[in-house]
Amino acid sequence: MHMGDHSADVLMARPIRFDGGSDDDRAKILAAHDAYLHANAAYDWPALNAIWSDDPSNVFFNMNGHTYVGLEHWSRLWQYYAQHKQSGWWEPFDVTVIVRGEMAVVSCHRKTTSRWRAETGTPDEGHEDKSFISRSTMVLVKERGAWKTVHAHFSEGRSTPRPGGV
């Protein structure tokens, strides 16, 4: 499926668990999440301006295991990845939206395929070609009437047995 075939309407059709928030806030939060997914699918770092808070102290924990601070770091990372990786759609599922006043948390799992651009050399460690499931947590706050991401944490999911038999 082509990235352009995805929209907030597609996300809205999926079962999403909501806890709190008005219908208007829920729709705007999901639209911000969808905008992030579209930007991520194309490493469209200029699009981050519309969804990421401009506070330069905001922290982003990337799936590569590193911490990035502020929009400039996130943009530079995506510029690097755009040169070295093929992006694609990160299909969200198990989406949960929790809203408390002017703060919201969106968590989900995402299915994707990662591909390194062979012409750019050997993949960075942990970036070998594979299909996998990741986990996403994004914290948003309402700034000047718009929902903006102030923190994100992404990590790869595991299919191995959970410790403790849980």
N, C-alpha and C. Protein backbone atom coordinates (compact mmCIF):
# COMPACT_ATOMS: atom_id res chain seq x y z
N MET A 1 0.84 -1.18 0.00
CA MET A 1 0.00 0.00 0.00
C MET A 1 0.89 1.23 0.00
N HIS A 2 0.58 2.17 -0.82
CA HIS A 2 1.34 3.41 -0.94
C HIS A 2 1.11 4.27 0.29
N MET A 3 2.17 4.96 0.74
CA MET A 3 2.08 5.79 1.93
C MET A 3 0.92 6.77 1.84
N GLY A 4 0.65 7.34 0.68
CA GLY A 4 -0.41 8.32 0.54
C GLY A 4 -1.79 7.74 0.75
N ASP A 5 -1.92 6.41 0.76
CA ASP A 5 -3.21 5.78 0.98
C ASP A 5 -3.61 5.79 2.45
N HIS A 6 -2.69 6.18 3.33
CA HIS A 6 -2.97 6.20 4.76
C HIS A 6 -3.46 7.59 5.14
N SER A 7 -4.40 7.63 6.06
CA SER A 7 -4.91 8.92 6.51
C SER A 7 -5.45 8.77 7.91
N ALA A 8 -5.81 9.91 8.50
CA ALA A 8 -6.40 9.88 9.84
C ALA A 8 -7.68 9.06 9.81
N ASP A 9 -8.39 9.07 8.66
CA ASP A 9 -9.62 8.27 8.57
C ASP A 9 -9.32 6.78 8.73
N VAL A 10 -8.19 6.33 8.16
CA VAL A 10 -7.80 4.93 8.31
C VAL A 10 -7.51 4.64 9.78
N LEU A 11 -6.77 5.55 10.43
CA LEU A 11 -6.48 5.35 11.86
C LEU A 11 -7.76 5.35 12.66
N MET A 12 -8.68 6.26 12.33
CA MET A 12 -9.93 6.35 13.09
C MET A 12 -10.75 5.07 12.93
N ALA A 13 -10.61 4.36 11.81
CA ALA A 13 -11.38 3.14 11.58
C ALA A 13 -10.84 1.98 12.42
N ARG A 14 -9.59 2.08 12.87
CA ARG A 14 -9.00 1.03 13.68
C ARG A 14 -9.51 1.15 15.11
N PRO A 15 -9.56 0.04 15.83
CA PRO A 15 -9.96 0.16 17.23
C PRO A 15 -8.88 0.92 18.02
N ILE A 16 -9.28 2.03 18.57
CA ILE A 16 -8.38 2.86 19.37
C ILE A 16 -8.99 2.99 20.75
N ARG A 17 -8.16 2.77 21.76
CA ARG A 17 -8.63 2.92 23.14
C ARG A 17 -8.41 4.36 23.58
N PHE A 18 -9.46 5.01 24.04
CA PHE A 18 -9.38 6.37 24.54
C PHE A 18 -9.65 6.38 26.03
N ASP A 19 -8.96 7.24 26.73
CA ASP A 19 -9.20 7.48 28.15
C ASP A 19 -9.10 8.98 28.35
N GLY A 20 -10.23 9.66 28.43
CA GLY A 20 -10.26 11.09 28.64
C GLY A 20 -10.25 11.86 27.34
N GLY A 21 -10.42 13.18 27.49
CA GLY A 21 -10.36 14.08 26.35
C GLY A 21 -11.68 14.24 25.64
N SER A 22 -11.87 15.41 25.06
CA SER A 22 -13.06 15.69 24.27
C SER A 22 -12.91 15.04 22.89
N ASP A 23 -14.01 14.94 22.17
CA ASP A 23 -13.94 14.40 20.81
C ASP A 23 -13.01 15.26 19.95
N ASP A 24 -13.06 16.58 20.14
CA ASP A 24 -12.20 17.48 19.37
C ASP A 24 -10.73 17.25 19.70
N ASP A 25 -10.39 17.15 20.99
CA ASP A 25 -9.00 16.88 21.36
C ASP A 25 -8.54 15.54 20.83
N ARG A 26 -9.38 14.52 20.96
CA ARG A 26 -9.01 13.19 20.45
C ARG A 26 -8.69 13.24 18.97
N ALA A 27 -9.53 13.91 18.19
CA ALA A 27 -9.32 14.00 16.75
C ALA A 27 -8.02 14.74 16.44
N LYS A 28 -7.74 15.83 17.17
CA LYS A 28 -6.52 16.60 16.92
C LYS A 28 -5.26 15.82 17.34
N ILE A 29 -5.35 15.08 18.41
CA ILE A 29 -4.22 14.26 18.86
C ILE A 29 -3.94 13.17 17.84
N LEU A 30 -4.98 12.49 17.37
CA LEU A 30 -4.79 11.46 16.35
C LEU A 30 -4.25 12.07 15.05
N ALA A 31 -4.69 13.27 14.72
CA ALA A 31 -4.17 13.94 13.51
C ALA A 31 -2.68 14.23 13.67
N ALA A 32 -2.25 14.64 14.87
CA ALA A 32 -0.82 14.89 15.12
C ALA A 32 -0.04 13.58 15.01
N HIS A 33 -0.59 12.50 15.55
CA HIS A 33 0.07 11.20 15.47
C HIS A 33 0.17 10.75 14.01
N ASP A 34 -0.91 10.91 13.26
CA ASP A 34 -0.92 10.55 11.85
C ASP A 34 0.09 11.40 11.07
N ALA A 35 0.18 12.68 11.39
CA ALA A 35 1.15 13.57 10.73
C ALA A 35 2.57 13.09 11.01
N TYR A 36 2.81 12.62 12.24
CA TYR A 36 4.13 12.08 12.56
C TYR A 36 4.41 10.83 11.71
N LEU A 37 3.44 9.92 11.61
CA LEU A 37 3.63 8.69 10.84
C LEU A 37 3.95 9.01 9.38
N HIS A 38 3.25 10.00 8.81
CA HIS A 38 3.52 10.38 7.43
C HIS A 38 4.91 10.99 7.29
N ALA A 39 5.29 11.85 8.23
CA ALA A 39 6.63 12.46 8.19
C ALA A 39 7.70 11.39 8.32
N ASN A 40 7.49 10.45 9.23
CA ASN A 40 8.46 9.38 9.47
C ASN A 40 8.60 8.49 8.23
N ALA A 41 7.51 8.26 7.55
CA ALA A 41 7.54 7.38 6.38
C ALA A 41 8.39 7.95 5.25
N ALA A 42 8.63 9.26 5.28
CA ALA A 42 9.40 9.90 4.22
C ALA A 42 10.65 10.61 4.75
N TYR A 43 10.94 10.44 6.05
CA TYR A 43 12.01 11.22 6.70
C TYR A 43 11.87 12.69 6.34
N ASP A 44 10.65 13.18 6.44
CA ASP A 44 10.32 14.57 6.09
C ASP A 44 10.55 15.44 7.33
N TRP A 45 11.83 15.79 7.57
CA TRP A 45 12.15 16.54 8.79
C TRP A 45 11.51 17.92 8.84
N PRO A 46 11.28 18.63 7.73
CA PRO A 46 10.58 19.91 7.86
C PRO A 46 9.15 19.75 8.41
N ALA A 47 8.53 18.59 8.15
CA ALA A 47 7.16 18.35 8.65
C ALA A 47 7.12 18.23 10.17
N LEU A 48 8.26 17.93 10.79
CA LEU A 48 8.30 17.84 12.25
C LEU A 48 7.95 19.17 12.91
N ASN A 49 8.21 20.28 12.23
CA ASN A 49 7.92 21.60 12.81
C ASN A 49 6.46 21.74 13.22
N ALA A 50 5.56 21.10 12.48
CA ALA A 50 4.14 21.22 12.76
C ALA A 50 3.70 20.36 13.94
N ILE A 51 4.49 19.34 14.30
CA ILE A 51 4.03 18.41 15.34
C ILE A 51 4.94 18.33 16.56
N TRP A 52 6.16 18.87 16.47
CA TRP A 52 7.11 18.81 17.58
C TRP A 52 7.18 20.17 18.23
N SER A 53 7.12 20.20 19.55
CA SER A 53 7.24 21.44 20.29
C SER A 53 8.57 22.11 19.97
N ASP A 54 8.57 23.44 19.94
CA ASP A 54 9.81 24.15 19.64
C ASP A 54 10.71 24.36 20.86
N ASP A 55 10.34 23.79 22.00
CA ASP A 55 11.19 23.87 23.19
C ASP A 55 12.46 23.04 22.93
N PRO A 56 13.64 23.67 22.91
CA PRO A 56 14.87 22.94 22.57
C PRO A 56 15.33 21.95 23.62
N SER A 57 14.66 21.90 24.77
CA SER A 57 15.07 20.96 25.82
C SER A 57 14.27 19.66 25.79
N ASN A 58 13.31 19.53 24.88
CA ASN A 58 12.52 18.30 24.80
C ASN A 58 13.40 17.13 24.37
N VAL A 59 13.13 15.96 24.96
CA VAL A 59 13.96 14.78 24.78
C VAL A 59 13.23 13.73 23.94
N PHE A 60 13.99 13.09 23.06
CA PHE A 60 13.49 12.05 22.17
C PHE A 60 14.42 10.85 22.30
N PHE A 61 13.87 9.70 22.72
CA PHE A 61 14.64 8.45 22.82
C PHE A 61 14.40 7.66 21.54
N ASN A 62 15.41 7.59 20.69
CA ASN A 62 15.27 6.92 19.40
C ASN A 62 15.46 5.42 19.54
N MET A 63 14.91 4.69 18.59
CA MET A 63 15.05 3.24 18.58
C MET A 63 16.49 2.79 18.41
N ASN A 64 17.35 3.68 17.94
CA ASN A 64 18.76 3.33 17.76
C ASN A 64 19.51 3.29 19.09
N GLY A 65 18.80 3.57 20.19
CA GLY A 65 19.41 3.49 21.52
C GLY A 65 20.01 4.80 21.99
N HIS A 66 19.90 5.86 21.20
CA HIS A 66 20.49 7.14 21.57
C HIS A 66 19.42 8.15 21.95
N THR A 67 19.83 9.13 22.73
CA THR A 67 18.96 10.21 23.18
C THR A 67 19.23 11.44 22.33
N TYR A 68 18.17 12.10 21.89
CA TYR A 68 18.27 13.33 21.11
C TYR A 68 17.52 14.42 21.85
N VAL A 69 18.04 15.64 21.82
CA VAL A 69 17.43 16.74 22.55
C VAL A 69 17.08 17.85 21.56
N GLY A 70 15.82 18.19 21.50
CA GLY A 70 15.36 19.27 20.64
C GLY A 70 15.13 18.85 19.21
N LEU A 71 14.37 19.68 18.53
CA LEU A 71 14.01 19.42 17.14
C LEU A 71 15.21 19.39 16.22
N GLU A 72 16.25 20.18 16.52
CA GLU A 72 17.43 20.18 15.65
C GLU A 72 18.08 18.80 15.60
N HIS A 73 18.21 18.13 16.76
CA HIS A 73 18.80 16.79 16.78
C HIS A 73 17.96 15.82 15.95
N TRP A 74 16.63 15.87 16.18
CA TRP A 74 15.74 14.95 15.48
C TRP A 74 15.83 15.19 13.97
N SER A 75 15.85 16.45 13.56
CA SER A 75 15.94 16.78 12.14
C SER A 75 17.26 16.29 11.53
N ARG A 76 18.36 16.49 12.24
CA ARG A 76 19.65 16.04 11.73
C ARG A 76 19.70 14.51 11.61
N LEU A 77 19.10 13.80 12.58
CA LEU A 77 19.04 12.34 12.51
C LEU A 77 18.27 11.92 11.26
N TRP A 78 17.13 12.51 11.00
CA TRP A 78 16.34 12.14 9.83
C TRP A 78 17.05 12.50 8.54
N GLN A 79 17.79 13.58 8.52
CA GLN A 79 18.55 13.93 7.32
C GLN A 79 19.59 12.83 7.04
N TYR A 80 20.22 12.35 8.10
CA TYR A 80 21.19 11.26 7.95
C TYR A 80 20.49 10.00 7.45
N TYR A 81 19.39 9.62 8.11
CA TYR A 81 18.68 8.41 7.70
C TYR A 81 18.14 8.54 6.27
N ALA A 82 17.69 9.71 5.87
CA ALA A 82 17.18 9.88 4.50
C ALA A 82 18.26 9.56 3.47
N GLN A 83 19.51 9.81 3.82
CA GLN A 83 20.62 9.51 2.92
C GLN A 83 20.97 8.02 2.91
N HIS A 84 20.71 7.32 4.03
CA HIS A 84 21.22 5.96 4.20
C HIS A 84 20.14 4.87 4.30
N LYS A 85 18.90 5.23 4.56
CA LYS A 85 17.86 4.22 4.75
C LYS A 85 16.66 4.52 3.87
N GLN A 86 15.98 3.46 3.47
CA GLN A 86 14.69 3.61 2.81
C GLN A 86 13.65 3.57 3.91
N SER A 87 12.82 4.55 3.97
CA SER A 87 11.77 4.56 4.97
C SER A 87 10.53 3.91 4.38
N GLY A 88 9.49 3.89 5.14
CA GLY A 88 8.22 3.32 4.71
C GLY A 88 7.20 3.51 5.81
N TRP A 89 6.02 2.98 5.58
CA TRP A 89 4.92 3.15 6.53
C TRP A 89 5.14 2.29 7.76
N TRP A 90 4.94 2.88 8.91
CA TRP A 90 5.00 2.17 10.19
C TRP A 90 3.56 1.97 10.63
N GLU A 91 2.99 0.80 10.31
CA GLU A 91 1.57 0.52 10.52
C GLU A 91 1.25 0.42 12.02
N PRO A 92 0.47 1.37 12.54
CA PRO A 92 0.17 1.35 13.98
C PRO A 92 -0.94 0.37 14.32
N PHE A 93 -0.81 -0.25 15.49
CA PHE A 93 -1.89 -1.07 16.03
C PHE A 93 -1.80 -1.02 17.55
N ASP A 94 -2.83 -1.50 18.23
CA ASP A 94 -2.91 -1.38 19.70
C ASP A 94 -2.73 0.07 20.14
N VAL A 95 -3.41 0.98 19.46
CA VAL A 95 -3.27 2.41 19.76
C VAL A 95 -4.09 2.77 21.00
N THR A 96 -3.45 3.46 21.93
CA THR A 96 -4.11 3.96 23.13
C THR A 96 -3.82 5.45 23.26
N VAL A 97 -4.86 6.22 23.52
CA VAL A 97 -4.73 7.67 23.71
C VAL A 97 -5.27 8.01 25.09
N ILE A 98 -4.42 8.56 25.93
CA ILE A 98 -4.81 9.00 27.28
C ILE A 98 -4.68 10.51 27.30
N VAL A 99 -5.74 11.19 27.70
CA VAL A 99 -5.75 12.65 27.75
C VAL A 99 -6.06 13.10 29.16
N ARG A 100 -5.21 13.99 29.68
CA ARG A 100 -5.42 14.57 31.00
C ARG A 100 -5.22 16.08 30.86
N GLY A 101 -6.32 16.79 30.76
CA GLY A 101 -6.23 18.24 30.60
C GLY A 101 -5.54 18.59 29.30
N GLU A 102 -4.40 19.28 29.41
CA GLU A 102 -3.68 19.71 28.22
C GLU A 102 -2.44 18.86 27.96
N MET A 103 -2.47 17.61 28.45
CA MET A 103 -1.39 16.65 28.19
C MET A 103 -2.01 15.34 27.72
N ALA A 104 -1.34 14.71 26.76
CA ALA A 104 -1.83 13.44 26.22
C ALA A 104 -0.66 12.50 25.98
N VAL A 105 -0.94 11.21 26.06
CA VAL A 105 0.03 10.16 25.74
C VAL A 105 -0.61 9.28 24.68
N VAL A 106 0.14 9.06 23.59
CA VAL A 106 -0.29 8.13 22.54
C VAL A 106 0.72 7.00 22.52
N SER A 107 0.24 5.78 22.76
CA SER A 107 1.13 4.62 22.68
C SER A 107 0.56 3.65 21.67
N CYS A 108 1.47 2.92 21.01
CA CYS A 108 1.04 1.92 20.05
C CYS A 108 2.21 1.01 19.71
N HIS A 109 1.87 -0.07 19.04
CA HIS A 109 2.86 -0.91 18.39
C HIS A 109 2.83 -0.54 16.91
N ARG A 110 3.94 -0.82 16.19
CA ARG A 110 4.01 -0.47 14.78
C ARG A 110 4.74 -1.58 14.02
N LYS A 111 4.18 -1.96 12.88
CA LYS A 111 4.83 -2.94 12.00
C LYS A 111 5.54 -2.19 10.89
N THR A 112 6.78 -2.58 10.58
CA THR A 112 7.50 -1.92 9.51
C THR A 112 8.59 -2.82 8.95
N THR A 113 9.19 -2.36 7.90
CA THR A 113 10.36 -3.01 7.31
C THR A 113 11.45 -1.96 7.19
N SER A 114 12.64 -2.31 7.62
CA SER A 114 13.79 -1.41 7.56
C SER A 114 14.73 -1.89 6.47
N ARG A 115 15.14 -0.95 5.61
CA ARG A 115 16.08 -1.29 4.52
C ARG A 115 17.17 -0.24 4.44
N TRP A 116 18.41 -0.69 4.44
CA TRP A 116 19.57 0.18 4.29
C TRP A 116 19.82 0.40 2.81
N ARG A 117 20.18 1.58 2.42
CA ARG A 117 20.53 1.86 1.02
C ARG A 117 21.91 1.25 0.76
N ALA A 118 21.94 0.17 0.00
CA ALA A 118 23.18 -0.58 -0.24
C ALA A 118 24.29 0.30 -0.81
N GLU A 119 23.92 1.28 -1.61
CA GLU A 119 24.93 2.13 -2.23
C GLU A 119 25.66 3.02 -1.22
N THR A 120 25.16 3.09 0.03
CA THR A 120 25.81 3.95 1.03
C THR A 120 26.74 3.17 1.94
N GLY A 121 26.93 1.88 1.65
CA GLY A 121 27.88 1.10 2.43
C GLY A 121 27.21 0.16 3.41
N THR A 122 27.98 -0.29 4.37
CA THR A 122 27.52 -1.25 5.37
C THR A 122 26.53 -0.58 6.32
N PRO A 123 25.42 -1.27 6.65
CA PRO A 123 24.45 -0.67 7.58
C PRO A 123 25.06 -0.38 8.94
N ASP A 124 24.61 0.69 9.55
CA ASP A 124 24.99 0.97 10.93
C ASP A 124 24.52 -0.20 11.79
N GLU A 125 25.22 -0.44 12.89
CA GLU A 125 24.85 -1.53 13.79
C GLU A 125 23.38 -1.38 14.21
N GLY A 126 22.63 -2.47 14.11
CA GLY A 126 21.22 -2.47 14.47
C GLY A 126 20.29 -2.02 13.35
N HIS A 127 20.85 -1.70 12.19
CA HIS A 127 20.04 -1.21 11.07
C HIS A 127 20.05 -2.16 9.88
N GLU A 128 20.32 -3.43 10.13
CA GLU A 128 20.29 -4.42 9.07
C GLU A 128 18.85 -4.55 8.56
N ASP A 129 18.69 -4.94 7.31
CA ASP A 129 17.36 -5.08 6.71
C ASP A 129 16.55 -6.12 7.48
N LYS A 130 15.31 -5.74 7.83
CA LYS A 130 14.43 -6.68 8.52
C LYS A 130 13.03 -6.11 8.62
N SER A 131 12.07 -6.99 8.81
CA SER A 131 10.70 -6.60 9.16
C SER A 131 10.56 -6.82 10.65
N PHE A 132 9.91 -5.88 11.33
CA PHE A 132 9.83 -6.00 12.78
C PHE A 132 8.69 -5.16 13.34
N ILE A 133 8.45 -5.36 14.63
CA ILE A 133 7.46 -4.58 15.36
C ILE A 133 8.19 -3.71 16.37
N SER A 134 7.79 -2.45 16.39
CA SER A 134 8.36 -1.53 17.37
C SER A 134 7.24 -1.01 18.27
N ARG A 135 7.67 -0.33 19.33
CA ARG A 135 6.73 0.28 20.27
C ARG A 135 6.98 1.77 20.26
N SER A 136 5.91 2.53 20.40
CA SER A 136 6.00 3.99 20.34
C SER A 136 5.20 4.60 21.49
N THR A 137 5.81 5.54 22.17
CA THR A 137 5.11 6.35 23.17
C THR A 137 5.42 7.80 22.84
N MET A 138 4.39 8.59 22.64
CA MET A 138 4.56 10.01 22.36
C MET A 138 3.74 10.81 23.36
N VAL A 139 4.37 11.79 23.97
CA VAL A 139 3.70 12.68 24.92
C VAL A 139 3.47 14.01 24.21
N LEU A 140 2.23 14.48 24.25
CA LEU A 140 1.88 15.74 23.62
C LEU A 140 1.31 16.70 24.64
N VAL A 141 1.53 17.98 24.44
CA VAL A 141 0.90 19.01 25.26
C VAL A 141 0.23 20.01 24.32
N LYS A 142 -0.79 20.67 24.85
CA LYS A 142 -1.48 21.68 24.07
C LYS A 142 -0.72 22.99 24.23
N GLU A 143 -0.13 23.46 23.13
CA GLU A 143 0.62 24.72 23.11
C GLU A 143 -0.07 25.69 22.16
N ARG A 144 -0.51 26.81 22.67
CA ARG A 144 -1.17 27.82 21.85
C ARG A 144 -2.30 27.20 21.01
N GLY A 145 -3.04 26.28 21.62
CA GLY A 145 -4.20 25.67 20.98
C GLY A 145 -3.91 24.46 20.10
N ALA A 146 -2.63 24.13 19.88
CA ALA A 146 -2.27 22.99 19.03
C ALA A 146 -1.58 21.92 19.85
N TRP A 147 -1.84 20.66 19.52
CA TRP A 147 -1.19 19.55 20.21
C TRP A 147 0.20 19.33 19.61
N LYS A 148 1.23 19.44 20.46
CA LYS A 148 2.62 19.31 20.03
C LYS A 148 3.31 18.20 20.83
N THR A 149 4.16 17.44 20.18
CA THR A 149 4.91 16.37 20.83
C THR A 149 6.06 16.99 21.63
N VAL A 150 6.17 16.60 22.90
CA VAL A 150 7.24 17.10 23.77
C VAL A 150 8.20 15.98 24.17
N HIS A 151 7.81 14.73 23.95
CA HIS A 151 8.68 13.60 24.26
C HIS A 151 8.23 12.41 23.42
N ALA A 152 9.19 11.65 22.95
CA ALA A 152 8.90 10.41 22.23
C ALA A 152 9.90 9.36 22.65
N HIS A 153 9.41 8.12 22.73
CA HIS A 153 10.27 7.00 23.09
C HIS A 153 9.90 5.84 22.18
N PHE A 154 10.86 5.38 21.39
CA PHE A 154 10.63 4.28 20.46
C PHE A 154 11.59 3.14 20.80
N SER A 155 11.11 1.92 20.69
CA SER A 155 11.97 0.76 20.91
C SER A 155 11.44 -0.42 20.12
N GLU A 156 12.33 -1.34 19.83
CA GLU A 156 11.93 -2.54 19.10
C GLU A 156 11.25 -3.51 20.06
N GLY A 157 10.18 -4.13 19.58
CA GLY A 157 9.50 -5.15 20.37
C GLY A 157 10.23 -6.47 20.29
N ARG A 158 9.95 -7.34 21.21
CA ARG A 158 10.58 -8.66 21.22
C ARG A 158 9.51 -9.74 21.08
N SER A 159 9.91 -10.85 20.49
CA SER A 159 9.00 -11.99 20.37
C SER A 159 9.44 -13.13 21.27
N THR A 160 10.50 -12.92 22.03
CA THR A 160 11.01 -13.95 22.94
C THR A 160 10.12 -14.02 24.19
N PRO A 161 10.18 -15.13 24.92
CA PRO A 161 9.39 -15.22 26.16
C PRO A 161 9.76 -14.09 27.12
N ARG A 162 8.74 -13.59 27.82
CA ARG A 162 8.98 -12.54 28.81
C ARG A 162 9.62 -13.13 30.06
N PRO A 163 10.58 -12.43 30.61
CA PRO A 163 11.13 -12.88 31.89
C PRO A 163 10.06 -12.96 32.96
N GLY A 164 10.15 -13.93 33.82
CA GLY A 164 9.18 -14.07 34.90
C GLY A 164 7.90 -14.76 34.49
N GLY A 165 7.82 -15.23 33.25
CA GLY A 165 6.63 -15.95 32.81
C GLY A 165 5.38 -15.07 32.71
N VAL A 166 5.56 -13.78 32.61
CA VAL A 166 4.41 -12.86 32.55
C VAL A 166 3.81 -12.88 31.16
